[in-house]
Amino acid sequence: MKKFALFISILHFFFFALSAEAQKQPEAKKVLDQMSQKFRSLNGFTAEFDFTYQDASGSSERQSGEIAVKGEQYRLKLPEQEIFNDGKTVWTYIQADGYKEVTINDVSQMEGELTPSNIYRMYESGFDYKLLKEKVFQGKATQVVELNATSSDAPFEQVKLMIDKNSKDLLGWEMFDGQGGMFSYTFKNLKQNANLPATYFAFDAKKYPGIEVIDLR
């Protein structure tokens, strides 16, 4: 009886080990680490991007914009909205139909949100990951890594990162909210080591006369 119990215990341990390995695949982590290290080695970058949202019914909307990232700082430009983050403060500037408004938050108030600067290290906590089949994306051999949230209250259930197999650049990503919605981002005209001053990531209200300032700090 003791031998049988020991056999069962060993069997449970064996399957648990296999399950744990599958949750955080070493091959996937190697690719993710290479991507993250490549980003951290850069002195910033700029790019154009396409953003597409598709709901459960299949209807979709698309926007294009510009992005600049340097460490924890970023600046995101959309047709009627611009977001500035200097690493300490986040300004969300909106201009539509002649109306101008900026909302100010501390970076700490935005914790847990997916941003252009933390997409490169989001896999480090809260996600399991595995390597999917390679594909051609933007004409390049691309490694696809699937991240699955380990918490049911995560903002996104699943994220797929498209990583250039040779350069380890992040070319784009898809996010699934678990309710049939998919958010897709694709980089274009990526320019690395952009020489961007710190002031580029800070919003100066003095340059926008008549703007309404909503300070939520």
N, C-alpha and C. Protein backbone atom coordinates (compact mmCIF):
# COMPACT_ATOMS: atom_id res chain seq x y z
N MET A 1 0.83 -1.20 0.00
CA MET A 1 0.00 0.00 0.00
C MET A 1 0.87 1.26 0.00
N LYS A 2 1.96 1.20 0.82
CA LYS A 2 2.86 2.34 0.89
C LYS A 2 3.54 2.56 -0.46
N LYS A 3 3.91 1.44 -1.14
CA LYS A 3 4.55 1.56 -2.45
C LYS A 3 3.61 2.21 -3.45
N PHE A 4 2.32 1.84 -3.36
CA PHE A 4 1.32 2.42 -4.28
C PHE A 4 1.17 3.92 -4.03
N ALA A 5 1.10 4.31 -2.75
CA ALA A 5 0.97 5.73 -2.38
C ALA A 5 2.18 6.51 -2.87
N LEU A 6 3.38 5.91 -2.73
CA LEU A 6 4.60 6.55 -3.19
C LEU A 6 4.57 6.73 -4.70
N PHE A 7 4.09 5.70 -5.40
CA PHE A 7 3.98 5.77 -6.86
C PHE A 7 3.05 6.90 -7.29
N ILE A 8 1.91 7.02 -6.60
CA ILE A 8 0.95 8.09 -6.91
C ILE A 8 1.56 9.46 -6.68
N SER A 9 2.30 9.60 -5.56
CA SER A 9 2.94 10.87 -5.24
C SER A 9 3.95 11.27 -6.32
N ILE A 10 4.74 10.29 -6.75
CA ILE A 10 5.72 10.56 -7.81
C ILE A 10 5.01 10.94 -9.11
N LEU A 11 3.92 10.25 -9.39
CA LEU A 11 3.16 10.53 -10.60
C LEU A 11 2.60 11.95 -10.57
N HIS A 12 2.05 12.35 -9.40
CA HIS A 12 1.52 13.71 -9.26
C HIS A 12 2.62 14.75 -9.46
N PHE A 13 3.79 14.48 -8.88
CA PHE A 13 4.91 15.42 -9.02
C PHE A 13 5.34 15.55 -10.47
N PHE A 14 5.37 14.42 -11.17
CA PHE A 14 5.78 14.40 -12.58
C PHE A 14 4.86 15.25 -13.43
N PHE A 15 3.54 15.07 -13.26
CA PHE A 15 2.59 15.84 -14.06
C PHE A 15 2.57 17.31 -13.66
N PHE A 16 2.77 17.60 -12.37
CA PHE A 16 2.84 18.99 -11.93
C PHE A 16 4.04 19.69 -12.57
N ALA A 17 5.17 18.98 -12.64
CA ALA A 17 6.38 19.55 -13.23
C ALA A 17 6.16 19.85 -14.71
N LEU A 18 5.51 18.91 -15.40
CA LEU A 18 5.21 19.13 -16.82
C LEU A 18 4.29 20.32 -17.00
N SER A 19 3.29 20.44 -16.14
CA SER A 19 2.33 21.55 -16.23
C SER A 19 3.02 22.88 -15.99
N ALA A 20 3.89 22.94 -14.98
CA ALA A 20 4.58 24.19 -14.65
C ALA A 20 5.48 24.62 -15.79
N GLU A 21 6.14 23.63 -16.44
CA GLU A 21 7.03 23.93 -17.55
C GLU A 21 6.22 24.49 -18.72
N ALA A 22 5.03 23.94 -18.94
CA ALA A 22 4.21 24.38 -20.07
C ALA A 22 3.68 25.78 -19.85
N GLN A 23 3.49 26.17 -18.55
CA GLN A 23 2.94 27.47 -18.25
C GLN A 23 3.91 28.59 -18.61
N LYS A 24 5.18 28.39 -18.30
CA LYS A 24 6.21 29.38 -18.62
C LYS A 24 7.30 28.67 -19.42
N GLN A 25 7.09 28.64 -20.72
CA GLN A 25 7.95 27.87 -21.62
C GLN A 25 9.33 28.53 -21.72
N PRO A 26 10.40 27.80 -21.43
CA PRO A 26 11.75 28.37 -21.50
C PRO A 26 12.09 28.98 -22.86
N GLU A 27 11.65 28.31 -23.95
CA GLU A 27 11.93 28.83 -25.29
C GLU A 27 11.26 30.19 -25.50
N ALA A 28 10.04 30.34 -24.96
CA ALA A 28 9.33 31.61 -25.08
C ALA A 28 10.01 32.69 -24.25
N LYS A 29 10.45 32.32 -23.05
CA LYS A 29 11.11 33.30 -22.17
C LYS A 29 12.40 33.82 -22.81
N LYS A 30 13.13 32.94 -23.49
CA LYS A 30 14.36 33.36 -24.15
C LYS A 30 14.08 34.44 -25.19
N VAL A 31 13.03 34.24 -25.99
CA VAL A 31 12.66 35.23 -27.01
C VAL A 31 12.21 36.53 -26.35
N LEU A 32 11.40 36.43 -25.29
CA LEU A 32 10.91 37.61 -24.59
C LEU A 32 12.05 38.39 -23.94
N ASP A 33 12.99 37.67 -23.34
CA ASP A 33 14.14 38.33 -22.73
C ASP A 33 14.98 39.07 -23.77
N GLN A 34 15.16 38.45 -24.94
CA GLN A 34 15.94 39.09 -26.01
C GLN A 34 15.24 40.35 -26.49
N MET A 35 13.91 40.30 -26.63
CA MET A 35 13.14 41.48 -27.04
C MET A 35 13.28 42.59 -26.00
N SER A 36 13.12 42.23 -24.73
CA SER A 36 13.19 43.21 -23.65
C SER A 36 14.58 43.85 -23.56
N GLN A 37 15.61 43.02 -23.68
CA GLN A 37 16.98 43.53 -23.62
C GLN A 37 17.27 44.46 -24.80
N LYS A 38 16.73 44.14 -25.96
CA LYS A 38 16.93 44.99 -27.14
C LYS A 38 16.32 46.37 -26.88
N PHE A 39 15.09 46.39 -26.33
CA PHE A 39 14.43 47.66 -26.04
C PHE A 39 15.21 48.48 -25.01
N ARG A 40 15.68 47.83 -23.95
CA ARG A 40 16.39 48.54 -22.89
C ARG A 40 17.73 49.07 -23.36
N SER A 41 18.29 48.48 -24.42
CA SER A 41 19.59 48.92 -24.92
C SER A 41 19.46 50.16 -25.81
N LEU A 42 18.23 50.47 -26.24
CA LEU A 42 18.03 51.60 -27.14
C LEU A 42 17.97 52.92 -26.39
N ASN A 43 18.42 53.96 -27.05
CA ASN A 43 18.27 55.32 -26.51
C ASN A 43 16.99 55.93 -27.08
N GLY A 44 15.89 55.21 -26.87
CA GLY A 44 14.59 55.67 -27.36
C GLY A 44 14.31 55.26 -28.80
N PHE A 45 13.06 55.40 -29.21
CA PHE A 45 12.68 55.15 -30.60
C PHE A 45 11.41 55.92 -30.93
N THR A 46 11.18 56.12 -32.21
CA THR A 46 9.95 56.71 -32.71
C THR A 46 9.37 55.78 -33.77
N ALA A 47 8.07 55.84 -33.96
CA ALA A 47 7.42 54.99 -34.96
C ALA A 47 6.03 55.52 -35.26
N GLU A 48 5.52 55.12 -36.41
CA GLU A 48 4.11 55.30 -36.71
C GLU A 48 3.42 53.98 -36.36
N PHE A 49 2.12 54.04 -36.08
CA PHE A 49 1.45 52.79 -35.76
C PHE A 49 0.01 52.81 -36.25
N ASP A 50 -0.52 51.62 -36.48
CA ASP A 50 -1.94 51.43 -36.79
C ASP A 50 -2.58 50.72 -35.61
N PHE A 51 -3.74 51.20 -35.21
CA PHE A 51 -4.49 50.59 -34.12
C PHE A 51 -5.86 50.16 -34.64
N THR A 52 -6.23 48.91 -34.39
CA THR A 52 -7.52 48.39 -34.82
C THR A 52 -8.23 47.75 -33.64
N TYR A 53 -9.51 48.06 -33.49
CA TYR A 53 -10.32 47.38 -32.48
C TYR A 53 -11.45 46.64 -33.19
N GLN A 54 -11.61 45.37 -32.87
CA GLN A 54 -12.69 44.56 -33.44
C GLN A 54 -13.50 43.95 -32.31
N ASP A 55 -14.83 44.13 -32.35
CA ASP A 55 -15.67 43.59 -31.29
C ASP A 55 -16.17 42.19 -31.63
N ALA A 56 -16.97 41.63 -30.74
CA ALA A 56 -17.42 40.25 -30.90
C ALA A 56 -18.28 40.05 -32.14
N SER A 57 -18.94 41.12 -32.60
CA SER A 57 -19.80 41.00 -33.78
C SER A 57 -19.01 41.04 -35.08
N GLY A 58 -17.72 41.41 -35.00
CA GLY A 58 -16.90 41.48 -36.20
C GLY A 58 -16.72 42.88 -36.74
N SER A 59 -17.48 43.85 -36.23
CA SER A 59 -17.31 45.23 -36.68
C SER A 59 -16.03 45.80 -36.09
N SER A 60 -15.38 46.69 -36.82
CA SER A 60 -14.09 47.19 -36.36
C SER A 60 -13.92 48.68 -36.66
N GLU A 61 -13.00 49.29 -35.97
CA GLU A 61 -12.62 50.67 -36.23
C GLU A 61 -11.10 50.75 -36.20
N ARG A 62 -10.58 51.70 -36.98
CA ARG A 62 -9.12 51.79 -37.12
C ARG A 62 -8.64 53.22 -36.99
N GLN A 63 -7.50 53.39 -36.34
CA GLN A 63 -6.87 54.69 -36.21
C GLN A 63 -5.38 54.54 -36.44
N SER A 64 -4.76 55.64 -36.85
CA SER A 64 -3.31 55.66 -37.02
C SER A 64 -2.74 56.77 -36.15
N GLY A 65 -1.50 56.62 -35.75
CA GLY A 65 -0.89 57.63 -34.90
C GLY A 65 0.61 57.55 -34.92
N GLU A 66 1.23 58.30 -34.00
CA GLU A 66 2.68 58.32 -33.86
C GLU A 66 3.04 58.05 -32.41
N ILE A 67 4.20 57.46 -32.21
CA ILE A 67 4.63 57.12 -30.86
C ILE A 67 6.12 57.41 -30.71
N ALA A 68 6.50 57.84 -29.52
CA ALA A 68 7.90 58.02 -29.16
C ALA A 68 8.08 57.43 -27.76
N VAL A 69 9.13 56.63 -27.57
CA VAL A 69 9.37 55.97 -26.29
C VAL A 69 10.85 56.10 -25.94
N LYS A 70 11.10 56.40 -24.66
CA LYS A 70 12.48 56.45 -24.16
C LYS A 70 12.45 56.02 -22.70
N GLY A 71 12.90 54.80 -22.44
CA GLY A 71 12.83 54.27 -21.08
C GLY A 71 11.38 54.19 -20.62
N GLU A 72 11.09 54.82 -19.48
CA GLU A 72 9.72 54.83 -18.95
C GLU A 72 8.91 55.99 -19.48
N GLN A 73 9.50 56.81 -20.33
CA GLN A 73 8.81 57.97 -20.89
C GLN A 73 8.20 57.62 -22.25
N TYR A 74 7.05 58.20 -22.55
CA TYR A 74 6.49 58.02 -23.89
C TYR A 74 5.56 59.18 -24.25
N ARG A 75 5.34 59.30 -25.54
CA ARG A 75 4.41 60.30 -26.07
C ARG A 75 3.63 59.64 -27.19
N LEU A 76 2.32 59.69 -27.09
CA LEU A 76 1.43 58.98 -28.01
C LEU A 76 0.51 59.98 -28.69
N LYS A 77 0.53 60.03 -30.03
CA LYS A 77 -0.29 60.97 -30.78
C LYS A 77 -1.37 60.24 -31.56
N LEU A 78 -2.62 60.64 -31.33
CA LEU A 78 -3.78 60.15 -32.08
C LEU A 78 -4.48 61.35 -32.69
N PRO A 79 -5.41 61.14 -33.62
CA PRO A 79 -6.06 62.28 -34.30
C PRO A 79 -6.62 63.36 -33.36
N GLU A 80 -7.28 62.99 -32.28
CA GLU A 80 -7.89 63.98 -31.39
C GLU A 80 -7.38 63.87 -29.96
N GLN A 81 -6.31 63.12 -29.77
CA GLN A 81 -5.81 62.92 -28.41
C GLN A 81 -4.31 62.73 -28.43
N GLU A 82 -3.65 63.24 -27.39
CA GLU A 82 -2.21 63.07 -27.26
C GLU A 82 -1.90 62.81 -25.78
N ILE A 83 -1.06 61.81 -25.53
CA ILE A 83 -0.70 61.43 -24.17
C ILE A 83 0.79 61.65 -23.97
N PHE A 84 1.12 62.39 -22.91
CA PHE A 84 2.51 62.66 -22.55
C PHE A 84 2.80 61.95 -21.22
N ASN A 85 3.95 61.30 -21.12
CA ASN A 85 4.36 60.66 -19.87
C ASN A 85 5.86 60.88 -19.71
N ASP A 86 6.24 61.66 -18.70
CA ASP A 86 7.65 61.95 -18.48
C ASP A 86 8.28 61.04 -17.42
N GLY A 87 7.55 59.97 -17.06
CA GLY A 87 8.04 59.04 -16.06
C GLY A 87 7.52 59.32 -14.67
N LYS A 88 6.98 60.52 -14.46
CA LYS A 88 6.42 60.90 -13.16
C LYS A 88 4.97 61.34 -13.27
N THR A 89 4.67 62.05 -14.37
CA THR A 89 3.34 62.62 -14.57
C THR A 89 2.80 62.22 -15.93
N VAL A 90 1.48 62.01 -16.00
CA VAL A 90 0.82 61.67 -17.26
C VAL A 90 -0.18 62.77 -17.60
N TRP A 91 -0.05 63.34 -18.80
CA TRP A 91 -0.98 64.35 -19.29
C TRP A 91 -1.77 63.77 -20.46
N THR A 92 -3.07 63.82 -20.41
CA THR A 92 -3.91 63.37 -21.52
C THR A 92 -4.58 64.59 -22.12
N TYR A 93 -4.13 64.95 -23.32
CA TYR A 93 -4.60 66.16 -23.98
C TYR A 93 -5.62 65.80 -25.05
N ILE A 94 -6.77 66.46 -25.01
CA ILE A 94 -7.84 66.21 -25.98
C ILE A 94 -8.21 67.52 -26.67
N GLN A 95 -8.30 67.47 -27.97
CA GLN A 95 -8.74 68.64 -28.75
C GLN A 95 -9.74 68.17 -29.80
N ALA A 96 -10.97 68.67 -29.68
CA ALA A 96 -12.02 68.28 -30.63
C ALA A 96 -13.06 69.39 -30.72
N ASP A 97 -13.45 69.72 -31.94
CA ASP A 97 -14.48 70.74 -32.19
C ASP A 97 -14.17 72.05 -31.48
N GLY A 98 -12.89 72.44 -31.49
CA GLY A 98 -12.50 73.72 -30.91
C GLY A 98 -12.33 73.69 -29.40
N TYR A 99 -12.60 72.55 -28.77
CA TYR A 99 -12.49 72.42 -27.31
C TYR A 99 -11.15 71.79 -26.97
N LYS A 100 -10.46 72.36 -25.96
CA LYS A 100 -9.15 71.84 -25.55
C LYS A 100 -9.17 71.54 -24.05
N GLU A 101 -8.66 70.36 -23.70
CA GLU A 101 -8.66 69.92 -22.30
C GLU A 101 -7.46 69.04 -22.04
N VAL A 102 -6.87 69.17 -20.86
CA VAL A 102 -5.79 68.27 -20.46
C VAL A 102 -6.09 67.74 -19.06
N THR A 103 -5.99 66.43 -18.88
CA THR A 103 -6.17 65.78 -17.59
C THR A 103 -4.80 65.33 -17.10
N ILE A 104 -4.51 65.62 -15.84
CA ILE A 104 -3.19 65.33 -15.28
C ILE A 104 -3.31 64.27 -14.18
N ASN A 105 -2.47 63.24 -14.28
CA ASN A 105 -2.40 62.18 -13.27
C ASN A 105 -0.96 61.91 -12.90
N ASP A 106 -0.76 61.39 -11.69
CA ASP A 106 0.55 60.84 -11.34
C ASP A 106 0.69 59.48 -12.02
N VAL A 107 1.91 59.12 -12.35
CA VAL A 107 2.15 57.81 -12.96
C VAL A 107 1.65 56.70 -12.05
N SER A 108 1.77 56.87 -10.75
CA SER A 108 1.35 55.84 -9.79
C SER A 108 -0.14 55.56 -9.88
N GLN A 109 -0.93 56.55 -10.36
CA GLN A 109 -2.37 56.36 -10.50
C GLN A 109 -2.70 55.49 -11.71
N MET A 110 -1.74 55.27 -12.58
CA MET A 110 -1.96 54.51 -13.80
C MET A 110 -1.39 53.10 -13.71
N GLU A 111 -0.98 52.68 -12.50
CA GLU A 111 -0.39 51.36 -12.33
C GLU A 111 -1.36 50.27 -12.76
N GLY A 112 -0.81 49.22 -13.39
CA GLY A 112 -1.64 48.12 -13.85
C GLY A 112 -2.10 48.28 -15.29
N GLU A 113 -1.96 49.48 -15.85
CA GLU A 113 -2.38 49.71 -17.24
C GLU A 113 -1.24 49.32 -18.18
N LEU A 114 -1.61 48.86 -19.35
CA LEU A 114 -0.63 48.52 -20.37
C LEU A 114 -0.24 49.79 -21.11
N THR A 115 1.05 50.11 -21.16
CA THR A 115 1.52 51.33 -21.79
C THR A 115 2.59 51.02 -22.83
N PRO A 116 2.91 51.99 -23.70
CA PRO A 116 3.95 51.74 -24.71
C PRO A 116 5.32 51.45 -24.11
N SER A 117 5.54 51.84 -22.86
CA SER A 117 6.85 51.59 -22.25
C SER A 117 6.92 50.28 -21.48
N ASN A 118 5.78 49.79 -20.96
CA ASN A 118 5.87 48.54 -20.18
C ASN A 118 5.45 47.29 -20.96
N ILE A 119 5.04 47.45 -22.22
CA ILE A 119 4.67 46.29 -23.04
C ILE A 119 5.88 45.35 -23.18
N TYR A 120 7.09 45.91 -23.07
CA TYR A 120 8.32 45.13 -23.26
C TYR A 120 8.69 44.28 -22.05
N ARG A 121 8.04 44.51 -20.91
CA ARG A 121 8.36 43.73 -19.72
C ARG A 121 7.12 43.20 -19.02
N MET A 122 5.97 43.29 -19.66
CA MET A 122 4.73 42.86 -19.03
C MET A 122 4.74 41.37 -18.73
N TYR A 123 5.52 40.61 -19.47
CA TYR A 123 5.55 39.16 -19.30
C TYR A 123 6.20 38.75 -17.98
N GLU A 124 6.90 39.68 -17.33
CA GLU A 124 7.67 39.34 -16.14
C GLU A 124 6.80 38.95 -14.95
N SER A 125 5.54 39.38 -14.94
CA SER A 125 4.64 38.99 -13.86
C SER A 125 3.19 39.01 -14.35
N GLY A 126 2.40 38.07 -13.83
CA GLY A 126 0.98 38.05 -14.15
C GLY A 126 0.60 37.29 -15.41
N PHE A 127 1.59 36.69 -16.08
CA PHE A 127 1.30 35.98 -17.33
C PHE A 127 2.09 34.68 -17.43
N ASP A 128 1.45 33.67 -18.00
CA ASP A 128 2.14 32.49 -18.50
C ASP A 128 2.42 32.76 -19.98
N TYR A 129 3.35 32.02 -20.57
CA TYR A 129 3.67 32.30 -21.97
C TYR A 129 4.18 31.04 -22.68
N LYS A 130 3.95 31.05 -23.99
CA LYS A 130 4.44 29.95 -24.82
C LYS A 130 4.71 30.47 -26.23
N LEU A 131 5.59 29.78 -26.92
CA LEU A 131 5.98 30.14 -28.28
C LEU A 131 5.04 29.46 -29.27
N LEU A 132 4.45 30.26 -30.17
CA LEU A 132 3.58 29.71 -31.20
C LEU A 132 4.37 29.51 -32.50
N LYS A 133 3.69 29.07 -33.52
CA LYS A 133 4.33 28.83 -34.81
C LYS A 133 4.80 30.15 -35.43
N GLU A 134 5.99 30.13 -36.00
CA GLU A 134 6.51 31.34 -36.67
C GLU A 134 5.64 31.69 -37.87
N LYS A 135 5.64 32.98 -38.23
CA LYS A 135 4.90 33.42 -39.40
C LYS A 135 5.61 34.61 -40.03
N VAL A 136 5.15 35.00 -41.20
CA VAL A 136 5.68 36.19 -41.87
C VAL A 136 4.77 37.36 -41.51
N PHE A 137 5.35 38.42 -40.95
CA PHE A 137 4.60 39.59 -40.52
C PHE A 137 5.36 40.81 -41.00
N GLN A 138 4.69 41.68 -41.75
CA GLN A 138 5.34 42.84 -42.36
C GLN A 138 6.53 42.42 -43.23
N GLY A 139 6.40 41.25 -43.85
CA GLY A 139 7.44 40.76 -44.75
C GLY A 139 8.67 40.22 -44.04
N LYS A 140 8.56 40.01 -42.71
CA LYS A 140 9.70 39.55 -41.93
C LYS A 140 9.38 38.24 -41.22
N ALA A 141 10.41 37.40 -41.07
CA ALA A 141 10.25 36.18 -40.29
C ALA A 141 9.99 36.58 -38.84
N THR A 142 8.88 36.12 -38.30
CA THR A 142 8.42 36.61 -37.00
C THR A 142 8.13 35.49 -36.02
N GLN A 143 8.62 35.65 -34.80
CA GLN A 143 8.29 34.73 -33.72
C GLN A 143 7.08 35.27 -32.97
N VAL A 144 6.12 34.41 -32.71
CA VAL A 144 4.89 34.82 -32.03
C VAL A 144 4.86 34.19 -30.64
N VAL A 145 4.76 35.05 -29.62
CA VAL A 145 4.69 34.57 -28.25
C VAL A 145 3.30 34.89 -27.69
N GLU A 146 2.65 33.87 -27.16
CA GLU A 146 1.31 34.04 -26.57
C GLU A 146 1.44 34.16 -25.06
N LEU A 147 0.88 35.24 -24.52
CA LEU A 147 0.85 35.46 -23.08
C LEU A 147 -0.58 35.27 -22.59
N ASN A 148 -0.76 34.50 -21.53
CA ASN A 148 -2.07 34.27 -20.96
C ASN A 148 -2.09 34.73 -19.51
N ALA A 149 -3.05 35.58 -19.19
CA ALA A 149 -3.13 36.14 -17.84
C ALA A 149 -3.39 35.06 -16.80
N THR A 150 -2.72 35.17 -15.66
CA THR A 150 -2.89 34.19 -14.59
C THR A 150 -3.99 34.61 -13.61
N SER A 151 -4.48 35.86 -13.75
CA SER A 151 -5.53 36.35 -12.87
C SER A 151 -6.80 36.62 -13.67
N SER A 152 -7.94 36.28 -13.11
CA SER A 152 -9.22 36.47 -13.81
C SER A 152 -9.61 37.93 -13.92
N ASP A 153 -9.03 38.81 -13.09
CA ASP A 153 -9.39 40.22 -13.15
C ASP A 153 -8.36 41.06 -13.92
N ALA A 154 -7.49 40.39 -14.68
CA ALA A 154 -6.53 41.10 -15.52
C ALA A 154 -7.27 41.85 -16.63
N PRO A 155 -6.78 43.03 -17.04
CA PRO A 155 -7.48 43.81 -18.08
C PRO A 155 -7.57 43.09 -19.42
N PHE A 156 -6.59 42.20 -19.70
CA PHE A 156 -6.60 41.43 -20.94
C PHE A 156 -6.36 39.96 -20.62
N GLU A 157 -7.17 39.11 -21.24
CA GLU A 157 -7.07 37.67 -21.01
C GLU A 157 -5.85 37.08 -21.70
N GLN A 158 -5.56 37.62 -22.90
CA GLN A 158 -4.48 37.06 -23.70
C GLN A 158 -3.83 38.15 -24.54
N VAL A 159 -2.51 38.04 -24.72
CA VAL A 159 -1.75 38.98 -25.55
C VAL A 159 -0.82 38.17 -26.44
N LYS A 160 -0.76 38.53 -27.72
CA LYS A 160 0.17 37.90 -28.64
C LYS A 160 1.16 38.95 -29.14
N LEU A 161 2.45 38.67 -28.93
CA LEU A 161 3.51 39.59 -29.34
C LEU A 161 4.17 39.07 -30.61
N MET A 162 4.32 39.95 -31.60
CA MET A 162 5.00 39.62 -32.85
C MET A 162 6.41 40.20 -32.79
N ILE A 163 7.42 39.33 -32.78
CA ILE A 163 8.80 39.74 -32.58
C ILE A 163 9.66 39.33 -33.78
N ASP A 164 10.36 40.30 -34.34
CA ASP A 164 11.24 40.04 -35.48
C ASP A 164 12.28 38.98 -35.07
N LYS A 165 12.32 37.88 -35.80
CA LYS A 165 13.19 36.76 -35.45
C LYS A 165 14.66 37.15 -35.45
N ASN A 166 15.05 38.05 -36.35
CA ASN A 166 16.46 38.40 -36.48
C ASN A 166 16.88 39.58 -35.62
N SER A 167 16.09 40.66 -35.65
CA SER A 167 16.48 41.87 -34.91
C SER A 167 15.96 41.90 -33.48
N LYS A 168 14.94 41.06 -33.17
CA LYS A 168 14.27 41.02 -31.87
C LYS A 168 13.47 42.29 -31.58
N ASP A 169 13.17 43.06 -32.63
CA ASP A 169 12.29 44.22 -32.48
C ASP A 169 10.85 43.75 -32.31
N LEU A 170 10.09 44.46 -31.50
CA LEU A 170 8.66 44.19 -31.38
C LEU A 170 7.95 44.88 -32.54
N LEU A 171 7.32 44.09 -33.40
CA LEU A 171 6.69 44.62 -34.60
C LEU A 171 5.21 44.98 -34.38
N GLY A 172 4.59 44.32 -33.42
CA GLY A 172 3.17 44.57 -33.16
C GLY A 172 2.66 43.60 -32.12
N TRP A 173 1.42 43.81 -31.71
CA TRP A 173 0.81 42.90 -30.74
C TRP A 173 -0.70 42.91 -30.85
N GLU A 174 -1.32 41.85 -30.36
CA GLU A 174 -2.78 41.72 -30.32
C GLU A 174 -3.19 41.43 -28.89
N MET A 175 -4.25 42.08 -28.42
CA MET A 175 -4.74 41.89 -27.06
C MET A 175 -6.20 41.47 -27.12
N PHE A 176 -6.55 40.46 -26.32
CA PHE A 176 -7.90 39.92 -26.30
C PHE A 176 -8.49 40.13 -24.90
N ASP A 177 -9.70 40.71 -24.85
CA ASP A 177 -10.27 41.07 -23.55
C ASP A 177 -11.12 39.97 -22.92
N GLY A 178 -11.26 38.83 -23.61
CA GLY A 178 -12.04 37.72 -23.06
C GLY A 178 -13.53 37.84 -23.29
N GLN A 179 -13.97 38.93 -23.92
CA GLN A 179 -15.38 39.14 -24.22
C GLN A 179 -15.62 39.27 -25.72
N GLY A 180 -14.65 38.78 -26.50
CA GLY A 180 -14.78 38.84 -27.95
C GLY A 180 -14.12 40.03 -28.60
N GLY A 181 -13.57 40.92 -27.79
CA GLY A 181 -12.91 42.10 -28.33
C GLY A 181 -11.43 41.87 -28.55
N MET A 182 -10.90 42.42 -29.66
CA MET A 182 -9.47 42.31 -29.95
C MET A 182 -8.90 43.68 -30.30
N PHE A 183 -7.78 44.02 -29.68
CA PHE A 183 -7.07 45.26 -29.95
C PHE A 183 -5.77 44.91 -30.64
N SER A 184 -5.51 45.50 -31.79
CA SER A 184 -4.32 45.18 -32.57
C SER A 184 -3.48 46.43 -32.81
N TYR A 185 -2.17 46.32 -32.56
CA TYR A 185 -1.24 47.43 -32.78
C TYR A 185 -0.12 46.96 -33.70
N THR A 186 0.22 47.79 -34.67
CA THR A 186 1.30 47.45 -35.60
C THR A 186 2.21 48.66 -35.78
N PHE A 187 3.52 48.46 -35.60
CA PHE A 187 4.49 49.54 -35.79
C PHE A 187 4.89 49.64 -37.26
N LYS A 188 5.15 50.89 -37.68
CA LYS A 188 5.67 51.15 -39.03
C LYS A 188 6.75 52.22 -38.91
N ASN A 189 7.69 52.20 -39.85
CA ASN A 189 8.75 53.21 -39.91
C ASN A 189 9.43 53.41 -38.56
N LEU A 190 9.85 52.32 -37.97
CA LEU A 190 10.53 52.35 -36.66
C LEU A 190 11.92 52.96 -36.80
N LYS A 191 12.18 53.99 -36.00
CA LYS A 191 13.49 54.65 -36.00
C LYS A 191 14.09 54.54 -34.61
N GLN A 192 15.20 53.83 -34.51
CA GLN A 192 15.80 53.55 -33.21
C GLN A 192 16.81 54.61 -32.81
N ASN A 193 17.06 54.66 -31.49
CA ASN A 193 18.02 55.59 -30.90
C ASN A 193 17.73 57.04 -31.29
N ALA A 194 16.45 57.39 -31.23
CA ALA A 194 16.03 58.76 -31.52
C ALA A 194 16.54 59.67 -30.41
N ASN A 195 17.09 60.81 -30.79
CA ASN A 195 17.65 61.74 -29.83
C ASN A 195 16.55 62.67 -29.32
N LEU A 196 15.81 62.22 -28.30
CA LEU A 196 14.66 62.96 -27.81
C LEU A 196 14.95 63.55 -26.43
N PRO A 197 14.80 64.86 -26.27
CA PRO A 197 15.03 65.48 -24.95
C PRO A 197 13.90 65.16 -24.00
N ALA A 198 14.15 65.30 -22.71
CA ALA A 198 13.13 65.01 -21.69
C ALA A 198 11.91 65.91 -21.86
N THR A 199 12.11 67.11 -22.34
CA THR A 199 11.00 68.06 -22.51
C THR A 199 9.99 67.58 -23.55
N TYR A 200 10.42 66.69 -24.44
CA TYR A 200 9.51 66.19 -25.47
C TYR A 200 8.38 65.37 -24.87
N PHE A 201 8.60 64.81 -23.69
CA PHE A 201 7.61 63.94 -23.05
C PHE A 201 6.79 64.64 -21.98
N ALA A 202 6.98 65.96 -21.84
CA ALA A 202 6.24 66.74 -20.85
C ALA A 202 5.29 67.72 -21.55
N PHE A 203 4.12 67.89 -20.99
CA PHE A 203 3.11 68.80 -21.56
C PHE A 203 3.27 70.18 -20.94
N ASP A 204 3.29 71.20 -21.80
CA ASP A 204 3.42 72.58 -21.34
C ASP A 204 2.11 73.32 -21.63
N ALA A 205 1.30 73.52 -20.61
CA ALA A 205 -0.02 74.15 -20.78
C ALA A 205 0.08 75.58 -21.29
N LYS A 206 1.22 76.22 -21.08
CA LYS A 206 1.40 77.61 -21.53
C LYS A 206 1.35 77.73 -23.05
N LYS A 207 1.62 76.63 -23.73
CA LYS A 207 1.61 76.65 -25.20
C LYS A 207 0.20 76.48 -25.76
N TYR A 208 -0.80 76.30 -24.86
CA TYR A 208 -2.18 76.06 -25.30
C TYR A 208 -3.11 77.04 -24.59
N PRO A 209 -3.16 78.28 -25.04
CA PRO A 209 -4.00 79.28 -24.39
C PRO A 209 -5.48 78.87 -24.37
N GLY A 210 -6.14 79.11 -23.24
CA GLY A 210 -7.57 78.80 -23.13
C GLY A 210 -7.87 77.36 -22.82
N ILE A 211 -6.86 76.54 -22.59
CA ILE A 211 -7.10 75.12 -22.32
C ILE A 211 -7.66 74.92 -20.91
N GLU A 212 -8.55 73.95 -20.78
CA GLU A 212 -9.09 73.60 -19.47
C GLU A 212 -8.18 72.54 -18.85
N VAL A 213 -7.74 72.79 -17.63
CA VAL A 213 -6.81 71.88 -16.94
C VAL A 213 -7.56 71.15 -15.83
N ILE A 214 -7.54 69.82 -15.89
CA ILE A 214 -8.18 68.99 -14.85
C ILE A 214 -7.08 68.22 -14.15
N ASP A 215 -6.70 68.68 -12.97
CA ASP A 215 -5.59 68.08 -12.24
C ASP A 215 -6.13 67.07 -11.23
N LEU A 216 -5.87 65.79 -11.45
CA LEU A 216 -6.38 64.72 -10.59
C LEU A 216 -5.31 64.14 -9.67
N ARG A 217 -4.21 64.83 -9.54
CA ARG A 217 -3.14 64.32 -8.67
C ARG A 217 -3.48 64.52 -7.21
